[in-house]
PDB file of N, CA and C in Angstrom:
ATOM      1  N   MET A   1     103.022  84.623  69.509  1.00  0.00           N
ATOM      2  CA  MET A   1     102.740  86.060  68.984  1.00  0.00           C
ATOM      3  C   MET A   1     104.294  86.069  68.472  1.00  0.00           C
ATOM      4  N   LYS A   2     104.494  86.361  66.999  1.00  0.00           N
ATOM      5  CA  LYS A   2     105.912  86.425  66.653  1.00  0.00           C
ATOM      6  C   LYS A   2     106.267  88.383  66.460  1.00  0.00           C
ATOM      7  N   ASN A   3     107.184  88.777  67.409  1.00  0.00           N
ATOM      8  CA  ASN A   3     107.175  90.396  67.331  1.00  0.00           C
ATOM      9  C   ASN A   3     106.095  91.056  67.801  1.00  0.00           C
ATOM     10  N   PRO A   4     106.197  90.615  69.289  1.00  0.00           N
ATOM     11  CA  PRO A   4     105.001  91.388  69.910  1.00  0.00           C
ATOM     12  C   PRO A   4     105.270  92.847  70.303  1.00  0.00           C
ATOM     13  N   THR A   5     104.223  93.906  70.523  1.00  0.00           N
ATOM     14  CA  THR A   5     104.681  95.389  70.488  1.00  0.00           C
ATOM     15  C   THR A   5     105.121  95.238  71.854  1.00  0.00           C
ATOM     16  N   HIS A   6     106.642  96.470  72.730  1.00  0.00           N
ATOM     17  CA  HIS A   6     106.919  96.394  73.426  1.00  0.00           C
ATOM     18  C   HIS A   6     106.222  97.830  73.632  1.00  0.00           C
ATOM     19  N   TYR A   7     106.231  98.545  74.802  1.00  0.00           N
ATOM     20  CA  TYR A   7     106.427  99.487  75.554  1.00  0.00           C
ATOM     21  C   TYR A   7     106.866 100.001  76.957  1.00  0.00           C
ATOM     22  N   ALA A   8     107.384 100.937  77.077  1.00  0.00           N
ATOM     23  CA  ALA A   8     107.820 100.789  78.377  1.00  0.00           C
ATOM     24  C   ALA A   8     106.771 101.710  79.451  1.00  0.00           C
ATOM     25  N   TRP A   9     106.773 101.834  80.866  1.00  0.00           N
ATOM     26  CA  TRP A   9     106.236 102.193  81.731  1.00  0.00           C
ATOM     27  C   TRP A   9     106.438 102.133  83.103  1.00  0.00           C
ATOM     28  N   GLY A  10     106.223 103.187  83.841  1.00  0.00           N
ATOM     29  CA  GLY A  10     106.537 102.924  84.998  1.00  0.00           C
ATOM     30  C   GLY A  10     107.934 103.541  85.008  1.00  0.00           C
ATOM     31  N   GLN A  11     108.509 102.860  86.405  1.00  0.00           N
ATOM     32  CA  GLN A  11     110.126 102.985  86.748  1.00  0.00           C
ATOM     33  C   GLN A  11     110.746 102.127  85.777  1.00  0.00           C
ATOM     34  N   GLY A  12     111.139 102.025  84.496  1.00  0.00           N
ATOM     35  CA  GLY A  12     111.733 100.747  84.135  1.00  0.00           C
ATOM     36  C   GLY A  12     111.176  99.143  83.913  1.00  0.00           C
ATOM     37  N   CYS A  13     109.658  99.723  83.821  1.00  0.00           N
ATOM     38  CA  CYS A  13     108.861  98.744  83.557  1.00  0.00           C
ATOM     39  C   CYS A  13     108.916  98.452  81.844  1.00  0.00           C
ATOM     40  N   ASP A  14     108.389  97.111  81.729  1.00  0.00           N
ATOM     41  CA  ASP A  14     108.192  96.837  80.342  1.00  0.00           C
ATOM     42  C   ASP A  14     106.382  95.888  79.866  1.00  0.00           C
ATOM     43  N   GLY A  15     106.427  96.338  78.810  1.00  0.00           N
ATOM     44  CA  GLY A  15     105.077  95.368  78.703  1.00  0.00           C
ATOM     45  C   GLY A  15     105.095  95.004  76.959  1.00  0.00           C
ATOM     46  N   TRP A  16     104.698  93.808  76.647  1.00  0.00           N
ATOM     47  CA  TRP A  16     104.643  93.304  75.103  1.00  0.00           C
ATOM     48  C   TRP A  16     102.803  93.177  75.066  1.00  0.00           C
ATOM     49  N   HIS A  17     102.648  93.594  74.342  1.00  0.00           N
ATOM     50  CA  HIS A  17     101.245  93.221  73.236  1.00  0.00           C
ATOM     51  C   HIS A  17     101.151  91.797  73.048  1.00  0.00           C
ATOM     52  N   LEU A  18     100.833  91.017  73.404  1.00  0.00           N
ATOM     53  CA  LEU A  18     100.581  89.389  72.776  1.00  0.00           C
ATOM     54  C   LEU A  18      99.298  89.694  71.858  1.00  0.00           C
ATOM     55  N   VAL A  19      97.735  89.454  72.391  1.00  0.00           N
ATOM     56  CA  VAL A  19      97.243  89.975  71.680  1.00  0.00           C
ATOM     57  C   VAL A  19      96.744  91.072  72.046  1.00  0.00           C
ATOM     58  N   ARG A  20      95.967  92.002  70.682  1.00  0.00           N
ATOM     59  CA  ARG A  20      95.251  93.114  70.827  1.00  0.00           C
ATOM     60  C   ARG A  20      94.325  93.702  69.726  1.00  0.00           C
ATOM     61  N   THR A  21      93.019  93.283  70.371  1.00  0.00           N
ATOM     62  CA  THR A  21      92.074  93.489  69.545  1.00  0.00           C
ATOM     63  C   THR A  21      90.670  94.576  70.343  1.00  0.00           C
ATOM     64  N   GLU A  22      89.373  94.310  70.113  1.00  0.00           N
ATOM     65  CA  GLU A  22      88.871  95.284  70.394  1.00  0.00           C
ATOM     66  C   GLU A  22      88.012  94.641  72.033  1.00  0.00           C
ATOM     67  N   ARG A  23      88.152  93.127  71.871  1.00  0.00           N
ATOM     68  CA  ARG A  23      87.219  92.557  72.839  1.00  0.00           C
ATOM     69  C   ARG A  23      88.412  91.922  73.984  1.00  0.00           C
ATOM     70  N   LEU A  24      89.945  91.825  73.983  1.00  0.00           N
ATOM     71  CA  LEU A  24      90.647  91.319  74.232  1.00  0.00           C
ATOM     72  C   LEU A  24      91.937  91.671  74.288  1.00  0.00           C
ATOM     73  N   SER A  25      92.731  91.720  75.660  1.00  0.00           N
ATOM     74  CA  SER A  25      93.787  92.521  75.503  1.00  0.00           C
ATOM     75  C   SER A  25      94.798  91.289  76.339  1.00  0.00           C
ATOM     76  N   VAL A  26      95.762  90.784  75.969  1.00  0.00           N
ATOM     77  CA  VAL A  26      96.480  89.778  76.644  1.00  0.00           C
ATOM     78  C   VAL A  26      98.508  90.473  76.726  1.00  0.00           C
ATOM     79  N   ILE A  27      98.787  90.436  77.442  1.00  0.00           N
ATOM     80  CA  ILE A  27     100.034  91.872  77.716  1.00  0.00           C
ATOM     81  C   ILE A  27     100.867  90.796  79.044  1.00  0.00           C
ATOM     82  N   GLU A  28     102.273  90.255  78.005  1.00  0.00           N
ATOM     83  CA  GLU A  28     102.740  90.364  79.242  1.00  0.00           C
ATOM     84  C   GLU A  28     103.858  91.340  79.613  1.00  0.00           C
ATOM     85  N   GLU A  29     103.753  91.229  80.785  1.00  0.00           N
ATOM     86  CA  GLU A  29     105.307  92.453  81.631  1.00  0.00           C
ATOM     87  C   GLU A  29     106.065  92.347  82.687  1.00  0.00           C
ATOM     88  N   ARG A  30     106.675  93.071  82.850  1.00  0.00           N
ATOM     89  CA  ARG A  30     107.958  92.850  83.785  1.00  0.00           C
ATOM     90  C   ARG A  30     108.227  93.732  84.601  1.00  0.00           C
ATOM     91  N   MET A  31     108.261  93.525  85.729  1.00  0.00           N
ATOM     92  CA  MET A  31     108.321  94.766  86.856  1.00  0.00           C
ATOM     93  C   MET A  31     109.948  94.282  87.598  1.00  0.00           C
ATOM     94  N   PRO A  32     110.523  95.282  87.261  1.00  0.00           N
ATOM     95  CA  PRO A  32     111.886  95.098  88.105  1.00  0.00           C
ATOM     96  C   PRO A  32     111.790  95.335  90.057  1.00  0.00           C
ATOM     97  N   PRO A  33     112.502  95.049  90.661  1.00  0.00           N
ATOM     98  CA  PRO A  33     112.479  95.141  92.001  1.00  0.00           C
ATOM     99  C   PRO A  33     112.448  96.278  92.127  1.00  0.00           C
ATOM    100  N   GLY A  34     111.437  96.484  93.025  1.00  0.00           N
ATOM    101  CA  GLY A  34     110.954  98.065  94.042  1.00  0.00           C
ATOM    102  C   GLY A  34     110.158  98.681  93.202  1.00  0.00           C
ATOM    103  N   THR A  35     109.232  98.338  92.354  1.00  0.00           N
ATOM    104  CA  THR A  35     109.059  98.904  91.284  1.00  0.00           C
ATOM    105  C   THR A  35     107.302  98.732  91.935  1.00  0.00           C
ATOM    106  N   PHE A  36     106.208  99.966  91.163  1.00  0.00           N
ATOM    107  CA  PHE A  36     105.135  99.624  91.491  1.00  0.00           C
ATOM    108  C   PHE A  36     104.516 100.575  90.641  1.00  0.00           C
ATOM    109  N   GLU A  37     102.782 100.548  90.304  1.00  0.00           N
ATOM    110  CA  GLU A  37     102.350 101.028  89.707  1.00  0.00           C
ATOM    111  C   GLU A  37     100.816 101.979  90.827  1.00  0.00           C
ATOM    112  N   ILE A  38     100.557 103.052  89.670  1.00  0.00           N
ATOM    113  CA  ILE A  38      99.425 103.648  90.954  1.00  0.00           C
ATOM    114  C   ILE A  38      98.154 102.958  91.128  1.00  0.00           C
ATOM    115  N   PRO A  39      97.717 103.213  92.704  1.00  0.00           N
ATOM    116  CA  PRO A  39      96.470 102.602  92.578  1.00  0.00           C
ATOM    117  C   PRO A  39      95.282 102.685  91.302  1.00  0.00           C
ATOM    118  N   HIS A  40      94.932 102.177  91.321  1.00  0.00           N
ATOM    119  CA  HIS A  40      93.521 102.217  89.768  1.00  0.00           C
ATOM    120  C   HIS A  40      92.528 101.158  90.006  1.00  0.00           C
ATOM    121  N   HIS A  41      91.430 101.976  89.076  1.00  0.00           N
ATOM    122  CA  HIS A  41      90.448 100.572  88.961  1.00  0.00           C
ATOM    123  C   HIS A  41      89.975 100.773  87.459  1.00  0.00           C
ATOM    124  N   HIS A  42      89.604  99.938  86.468  1.00  0.00           N
ATOM    125  CA  HIS A  42      89.095 100.393  85.674  1.00  0.00           C
ATOM    126  C   HIS A  42      87.726  99.942  85.491  1.00  0.00           C
ATOM    127  N   ARG A  43      86.611 100.745  84.578  1.00  0.00           N
ATOM    128  CA  ARG A  43      85.170 101.040  84.761  1.00  0.00           C
ATOM    129  C   ARG A  43      84.759  99.577  83.882  1.00  0.00           C
ATOM    130  N   LEU A  44      85.066  99.055  82.988  1.00  0.00           N
ATOM    131  CA  LEU A  44      85.031  98.230  82.582  1.00  0.00           C
ATOM    132  C   LEU A  44      85.240  96.736  82.256  1.00  0.00           C
ATOM    133  N   SER A  45      87.049  96.724  82.445  1.00  0.00           N
ATOM    134  CA  SER A  45      88.159  95.923  81.853  1.00  0.00           C
ATOM    135  C   SER A  45      87.864  94.651  83.300  1.00  0.00           C
ATOM    136  N   HIS A  46      87.697  93.501  83.118  1.00  0.00           N
ATOM    137  CA  HIS A  46      88.002  92.747  83.959  1.00  0.00           C
ATOM    138  C   HIS A  46      88.862  91.890  83.913  1.00  0.00           C
ATOM    139  N   GLN A  47      89.742  91.447  84.867  1.00  0.00           N
ATOM    140  CA  GLN A  47      91.515  91.564  84.354  1.00  0.00           C
ATOM    141  C   GLN A  47      91.795  90.741  85.475  1.00  0.00           C
ATOM    142  N   PHE A  48      92.202  89.643  84.738  1.00  0.00           N
ATOM    143  CA  PHE A  48      93.465  88.138  85.470  1.00  0.00           C
ATOM    144  C   PHE A  48      94.777  88.686  85.432  1.00  0.00           C
ATOM    145  N   PHE A  49      95.549  88.457  85.917  1.00  0.00           N
ATOM    146  CA  PHE A  49      97.122  88.267  86.737  1.00  0.00           C
ATOM    147  C   PHE A  49      97.544  87.353  86.982  1.00  0.00           C
ATOM    148  N   TYR A  50      98.533  86.827  86.155  1.00  0.00           N
ATOM    149  CA  TYR A  50      98.990  85.525  85.692  1.00  0.00           C
ATOM    150  C   TYR A  50     100.924  85.621  85.863  1.00  0.00           C
ATOM    151  N   VAL A  51     101.044  84.733  87.206  1.00  0.00           N
ATOM    152  CA  VAL A  51     102.593  85.064  87.582  1.00  0.00           C
ATOM    153  C   VAL A  51     103.680  84.219  86.870  1.00  0.00           C
ATOM    154  N   LEU A  52     103.759  84.270  85.728  1.00  0.00           N
ATOM    155  CA  LEU A  52     104.939  83.439  85.189  1.00  0.00           C
ATOM    156  C   LEU A  52     106.099  83.228  86.242  1.00  0.00           C
ATOM    157  N   HIS A  53     106.986  84.533  86.627  1.00  0.00           N
ATOM    158  CA  HIS A  53     108.247  84.171  87.040  1.00  0.00           C
ATOM    159  C   HIS A  53     108.302  85.307  88.460  1.00  0.00           C
ATOM    160  N   GLY A  54     108.884  84.675  89.230  1.00  0.00           N
ATOM    161  CA  GLY A  54     108.920  85.475  90.642  1.00  0.00           C
ATOM    162  C   GLY A  54     107.825  85.329  91.502  1.00  0.00           C
ATOM    163  N   ILE A  55     107.863  87.205  92.073  1.00  0.00           N
ATOM    164  CA  ILE A  55     106.468  86.886  92.840  1.00  0.00           C
ATOM    165  C   ILE A  55     105.859  88.388  92.982  1.00  0.00           C
ATOM    166  N   LEU A  56     104.753  88.551  92.802  1.00  0.00           N
ATOM    167  CA  LEU A  56     103.827  90.058  92.784  1.00  0.00           C
ATOM    168  C   LEU A  56     103.383  90.074  93.719  1.00  0.00           C
ATOM    169  N   THR A  57     103.124  91.514  94.054  1.00  0.00           N
ATOM    170  CA  THR A  57     102.460  91.608  95.344  1.00  0.00           C
ATOM    171  C   THR A  57     101.155  92.471  94.757  1.00  0.00           C
ATOM    172  N   MET A  58      99.762  92.090  94.761  1.00  0.00           N
ATOM    173  CA  MET A  58      98.540  92.980  94.070  1.00  0.00           C
ATOM    174  C   MET A  58      98.397  93.436  95.589  1.00  0.00           C
ATOM    175  N   VAL A  59      97.838  95.056  95.670  1.00  0.00           N
ATOM    176  CA  VAL A  59      97.206  95.390  96.602  1.00  0.00           C
ATOM    177  C   VAL A  59      95.966  95.323  96.061  1.00  0.00           C
ATOM    178  N   VAL A  60      94.872  94.910  96.622  1.00  0.00           N
ATOM    179  CA  VAL A  60      93.374  94.856  95.932  1.00  0.00           C
ATOM    180  C   VAL A  60      92.643  95.317  97.274  1.00  0.00           C
ATOM    181  N   THR A  61      91.648  96.710  96.839  1.00  0.00           N
ATOM    182  CA  THR A  61      91.169  97.231  98.234  1.00  0.00           C
ATOM    183  C   THR A  61      91.819  97.324  99.465  1.00  0.00           C
ATOM    184  N   GLY A  62      92.960  97.565  99.336  1.00  0.00           N
ATOM    185  CA  GLY A  62      93.735  97.930 100.159  1.00  0.00           C
ATOM    186  C   GLY A  62      94.631  96.955 101.038  1.00  0.00           C
ATOM    187  N   GLN A  63      94.303  95.701 100.488  1.00  0.00           N
ATOM    188  CA  GLN A  63      94.843  94.469 101.615  1.00  0.00           C
ATOM    189  C   GLN A  63      95.703  94.053 100.248  1.00  0.00           C
ATOM    190  N   ALA A  64      97.066  93.751 100.592  1.00  0.00           N
ATOM    191  CA  ALA A  64      97.931  92.738 100.060  1.00  0.00           C
ATOM    192  C   ALA A  64      97.680  91.839 100.025  1.00  0.00           C
ATOM    193  N   THR A  65      98.169  91.170  98.623  1.00  0.00           N
ATOM    194  CA  THR A  65      98.255  89.631  98.702  1.00  0.00           C
ATOM    195  C   THR A  65      99.690  89.149  97.475  1.00  0.00           C
ATOM    196  N   THR A  66     100.592  88.415  98.254  1.00  0.00           N
ATOM    197  CA  THR A  66     101.493  87.972  97.122  1.00  0.00           C
ATOM    198  C   THR A  66     100.848  86.771  96.584  1.00  0.00           C
ATOM    199  N   VAL A  67     101.670  86.921  94.984  1.00  0.00           N
ATOM    200  CA  VAL A  67     100.953  85.893  94.055  1.00  0.00           C
ATOM    201  C   VAL A  67     102.065  85.446  93.574  1.00  0.00           C
ATOM    202  N   SER A  68     102.348  83.892  94.043  1.00  0.00           N
ATOM    203  CA  SER A  68     103.948  83.030  92.935  1.00  0.00           C
ATOM    204  C   SER A  68     103.534  82.733  91.858  1.00  0.00           C
ATOM    205  N   SER A  69     104.711  82.431  91.342  1.00  0.00           N
ATOM    206  CA  SER A  69     104.860  81.687  90.133  1.00  0.00           C
ATOM    207  C   SER A  69     103.700  80.782  90.146  1.00  0.00           C
ATOM    208  N   GLY A  70     103.091  80.856  88.545  1.00  0.00           N
ATOM    209  CA  GLY A  70     102.354  79.504  88.622  1.00  0.00           C
ATOM    210  C   GLY A  70     100.991  80.043  89.165  1.00  0.00           C
ATOM    211  N   SER A  71     100.545  81.062  89.773  1.00  0.00           N
ATOM    212  CA  SER A  71      99.565  81.259  90.454  1.00  0.00           C
ATOM    213  C   SER A  71      98.906  82.464  89.759  1.00  0.00           C
ATOM    214  N   GLY A  72      97.686  83.059  89.974  1.00  0.00           N
ATOM    215  CA  GLY A  72      97.005  84.151  89.318  1.00  0.00           C
ATOM    216  C   GLY A  72      95.922  84.828  90.690  1.00  0.00           C
ATOM    217  N   ILE A  73      95.495  86.100  90.097  1.00  0.00           N
ATOM    218  CA  ILE A  73      94.389  86.791  90.595  1.00  0.00           C
ATOM    219  C   ILE A  73      93.662  87.505  89.999  1.00  0.00           C
ATOM    220  N   GLU A  74      92.226  87.430  90.381  1.00  0.00           N
ATOM    221  CA  GLU A  74      91.229  87.742  89.483  1.00  0.00           C
ATOM    222  C   GLU A  74      90.767  89.464  89.936  1.00  0.00           C
ATOM    223  N   ILE A  75      90.403  90.454  88.609  1.00  0.00           N
ATOM    224  CA  ILE A  75      90.415  91.696  89.201  1.00  0.00           C
ATOM    225  C   ILE A  75      88.882  92.139  88.853  1.00  0.00           C
ATOM    226  N   ALA A  76      87.818  92.355  89.579  1.00  0.00           N
ATOM    227  CA  ALA A  76      86.684  92.809  88.923  1.00  0.00           C
ATOM    228  C   ALA A  76      86.862  94.150  88.502  1.00  0.00           C
ATOM    229  N   PRO A  77      85.716  94.609  87.445  1.00  0.00           N
ATOM    230  CA  PRO A  77      85.580  96.045  87.328  1.00  0.00           C
ATOM    231  C   PRO A  77      85.364  96.860  88.459  1.00  0.00           C
ATOM    232  N   GLY A  78      86.122  98.290  88.280  1.00  0.00           N
ATOM    233  CA  GLY A  78      85.624  98.299  89.550  1.00  0.00           C
ATOM    234  C   GLY A  78      86.538  98.653  90.532  1.00  0.00           C
ATOM    235  N   THR A  79      87.301  97.794  91.095  1.00  0.00           N
ATOM    236  CA  THR A  79      87.844  97.182  92.065  1.00  0.00           C
ATOM    237  C   THR A  79      89.006  97.572  92.170  1.00  0.00           C
ATOM    238  N   ILE A  80      90.043  98.743  93.081  1.00  0.00           N
ATOM    239  CA  ILE A  80      91.030  99.770  93.076  1.00  0.00           C
ATOM    240  C   ILE A  80      92.168  98.566  93.591  1.00  0.00           C
ATOM    241  N   HIS A  81      93.162  98.708  92.529  1.00  0.00           N
ATOM    242  CA  HIS A  81      94.577  97.577  92.714  1.00  0.00           C
ATOM    243  C   HIS A  81      95.272  98.315  92.452  1.00  0.00           C
ATOM    244  N   GLN A  82      96.661  97.748  92.787  1.00  0.00           N
ATOM    245  CA  GLN A  82      98.159  98.504  92.605  1.00  0.00           C
ATOM    246  C   GLN A  82      98.778  96.967  92.301  1.00  0.00           C
ATOM    247  N   ALA A  83      99.541  96.944  90.992  1.00  0.00           N
ATOM    248  CA  ALA A  83     100.989  95.947  91.251  1.00  0.00           C
ATOM    249  C   ALA A  83     101.578  96.257  91.687  1.00  0.00           C
ATOM    250  N   ARG A  84     102.775  95.609  92.714  1.00  0.00           N
ATOM    251  CA  ARG A  84     103.646  95.604  93.175  1.00  0.00           C
ATOM    252  C   ARG A  84     105.080  94.579  92.939  1.00  0.00           C
ATOM    253  N   ASN A  85     106.337  95.048  92.908  1.00  0.00           N
ATOM    254  CA  ASN A  85     106.886  94.078  92.922  1.00  0.00           C
ATOM    255  C   ASN A  85     108.048  94.460  94.133  1.00  0.00           C
ATOM    256  N   ASP A  86     107.814  93.686  95.445  1.00  0.00           N
ATOM    257  CA  ASP A  86     108.159  93.964  96.576  1.00  0.00           C
ATOM    258  C   ASP A  86     109.519  93.042  96.844  1.00  0.00           C
ATOM    259  N   SER A  87     109.704  92.202  95.938  1.00  0.00           N
ATOM    260  CA  SER A  87     110.748  90.921  95.773  1.00  0.00           C
ATOM    261  C   SER A  87     112.194  91.800  95.429  1.00  0.00           C
ATOM    262  N   ASN A  88     113.335  90.826  95.881  1.00  0.00           N
ATOM    263  CA  ASN A  88     114.629  91.236  94.945  1.00  0.00           C
ATOM    264  C   ASN A  88     115.173  90.961  93.454  1.00  0.00           C
ATOM    265  N   SER A  89     114.228  90.361  92.854  1.00  0.00           N
ATOM    266  CA  SER A  89     113.977  90.352  91.589  1.00  0.00           C
ATOM    267  C   SER A  89     113.007  90.015  90.806  1.00  0.00           C
ATOM    268  N   ASP A  90     113.354  90.568  89.426  1.00  0.00           N
ATOM    269  CA  ASP A  90     112.170  90.764  88.186  1.00  0.00           C
ATOM    270  C   ASP A  90     110.661  89.874  88.600  1.00  0.00           C
ATOM    271  N   VAL A  91     109.952  90.154  88.442  1.00  0.00           N
ATOM    272  CA  VAL A  91     108.442  89.520  88.387  1.00  0.00           C
ATOM    273  C   VAL A  91     107.929  89.618  86.952  1.00  0.00           C
ATOM    274  N   ARG A  92     107.657  88.668  86.381  1.00  0.00           N
ATOM    275  CA  ARG A  92     107.168  88.772  85.036  1.00  0.00           C
ATOM    276  C   ARG A  92     105.408  88.084  84.918  1.00  0.00           C
ATOM    277  N   PHE A  93     104.486  88.702  84.433  1.00  0.00           N
ATOM    278  CA  PHE A  93     103.026  88.025  84.538  1.00  0.00           C
ATOM    279  C   PHE A  93     102.647  88.534  83.188  1.00  0.00           C
ATOM    280  N   LEU A  94     101.865  87.861  82.771  1.00  0.00           N
ATOM    281  CA  LEU A  94     100.716  87.813  82.265  1.00  0.00           C
ATOM    282  C   LEU A  94      99.166  89.105  82.532  1.00  0.00           C
ATOM    283  N   VAL A  95      98.942  89.747  81.923  1.00  0.00           N
ATOM    284  CA  VAL A  95      97.639  90.882  82.296  1.00  0.00           C
ATOM    285  C   VAL A  95      96.646  90.717  80.996  1.00  0.00           C
ATOM    286  N   ILE A  96      95.964  89.332  81.319  1.00  0.00           N
ATOM    287  CA  ILE A  96      94.613  89.584  80.308  1.00  0.00           C
ATOM    288  C   ILE A  96      93.425  90.495  81.209  1.00  0.00           C
ATOM    289  N   SER A  97      93.122  91.387  80.017  1.00  0.00           N
ATOM    290  CA  SER A  97      91.508  92.302  80.068  1.00  0.00           C
ATOM    291  C   SER A  97      91.068  91.687  79.178  1.00  0.00           C
ATOM    292  N   GLN A  98      89.518  91.987  79.780  1.00  0.00           N
ATOM    293  CA  GLN A  98      88.327  91.610  79.091  1.00  0.00           C
ATOM    294  C   GLN A  98      87.273  92.445  79.334  1.00  0.00           C
ATOM    295  N   PRO A  99      87.170  93.732  78.572  1.00  0.00           N
ATOM    296  CA  PRO A  99      87.410  94.608  77.184  1.00  0.00           C
ATOM    297  C   PRO A  99      88.694  95.053  77.441  1.00  0.00           C
ATOM    298  N   PRO A 100      89.677  95.060  76.806  1.00  0.00           N
ATOM    299  CA  PRO A 100      90.835  95.821  77.050  1.00  0.00           C
ATOM    300  C   PRO A 100      91.075  97.337  78.044  1.00  0.00           C
ATOM    301  N   SER A 101      91.924  97.078  78.749  1.00  0.00           N
ATOM    302  CA  SER A 101      92.337  98.183  79.745  1.00  0.00           C
ATOM    303  C   SER A 101      92.691  99.421  79.359  1.00  0.00           C
ATOM    304  N   HIS A 102      93.292  99.753  78.201  1.00  0.00           N
ATOM    305  CA  HIS A 102      94.215 100.627  77.934  1.00  0.00           C
ATOM    306  C   HIS A 102      92.747 101.657  77.529  1.00  0.00           C
ATOM    307  N   GLY A 103      92.590 102.989  78.012  1.00  0.00           N
ATOM    308  CA  GLY A 103      91.610 103.988  77.819  1.00  0.00           C
ATOM    309  C   GLY A 103      90.718 103.534  79.019  1.00  0.00           C
ATOM    310  N   ASP A 104      90.919 102.740  79.999  1.00  0.00           N
ATOM    311  CA  ASP A 104      89.443 102.395  80.868  1.00  0.00           C
ATOM    312  C   ASP A 104      89.920 102.398  82.303  1.00  0.00           C
ATOM    313  N   ARG A 105      91.323 102.906  82.458  1.00  0.00           N
ATOM    314  CA  ARG A 105      91.980 103.298  83.843  1.00  0.00           C
ATOM    315  C   ARG A 105      91.722 104.143  84.440  1.00  0.00           C
ATOM    316  N   VAL A 106      91.017 104.747  85.815  1.00  0.00           N
ATOM    317  CA  VAL A 106      91.051 105.536  86.751  1.00  0.00           C
ATOM    318  C   VAL A 106      91.973 105.701  87.665  1.00  0.00           C
ATOM    319  N   ASP A 107      92.818 106.528  87.763  1.00  0.00           N
ATOM    320  CA  ASP A 107      93.946 106.592  88.446  1.00  0.00           C
ATOM    321  C   ASP A 107      92.831 107.182  90.322  1.00  0.00           C
ATOM    322  N   THR A 108      93.505 106.285  91.220  1.00  0.00           N
ATOM    323  CA  THR A 108      92.835 106.618  92.707  1.00  0.00           C
ATOM    324  C   THR A 108      94.070 107.114  93.402  1.00  0.00           C
ATOM    325  N   GLU A 109      93.317 107.709  94.421  1.00  0.00           N
ATOM    326  CA  GLU A 109      94.259 108.453  95.282  1.00  0.00           C
ATOM    327  C   GLU A 109      93.736 107.502  96.556  1.00  0.00           C
ATOM    328  N   VAL A 110      95.100 106.842  97.501  1.00  0.00           N
ATOM    329  CA  VAL A 110      94.685 105.564  98.888  1.00  0.00           C
ATOM    330  C   VAL A 110      95.557 106.665  99.808  1.00  0.00           C
TER     331      VAL A 110
END
């Protein structure tokens, strides 16, 4: 995609919309070291996180999993999850959501 739409989120994190339709969302995200998102789930969105560079920690229903460059993790609708960067360098990854996850997020107390 030429000139993807950028947005900032969290504590210095970045996102770029690569595909944004009513049925599919593909976002490239960057998380600096030590950053994290709030645990949450999506009512309808089925997601796949694919790590392009670095190491992403995904906490899924309370269980931390390390996802390295060149691998990914699937998140089913209704599953509580949290992306974290516990490493000492940036992590870049794709978030593929069907249907798009914006507006479908429910923050969760853990």
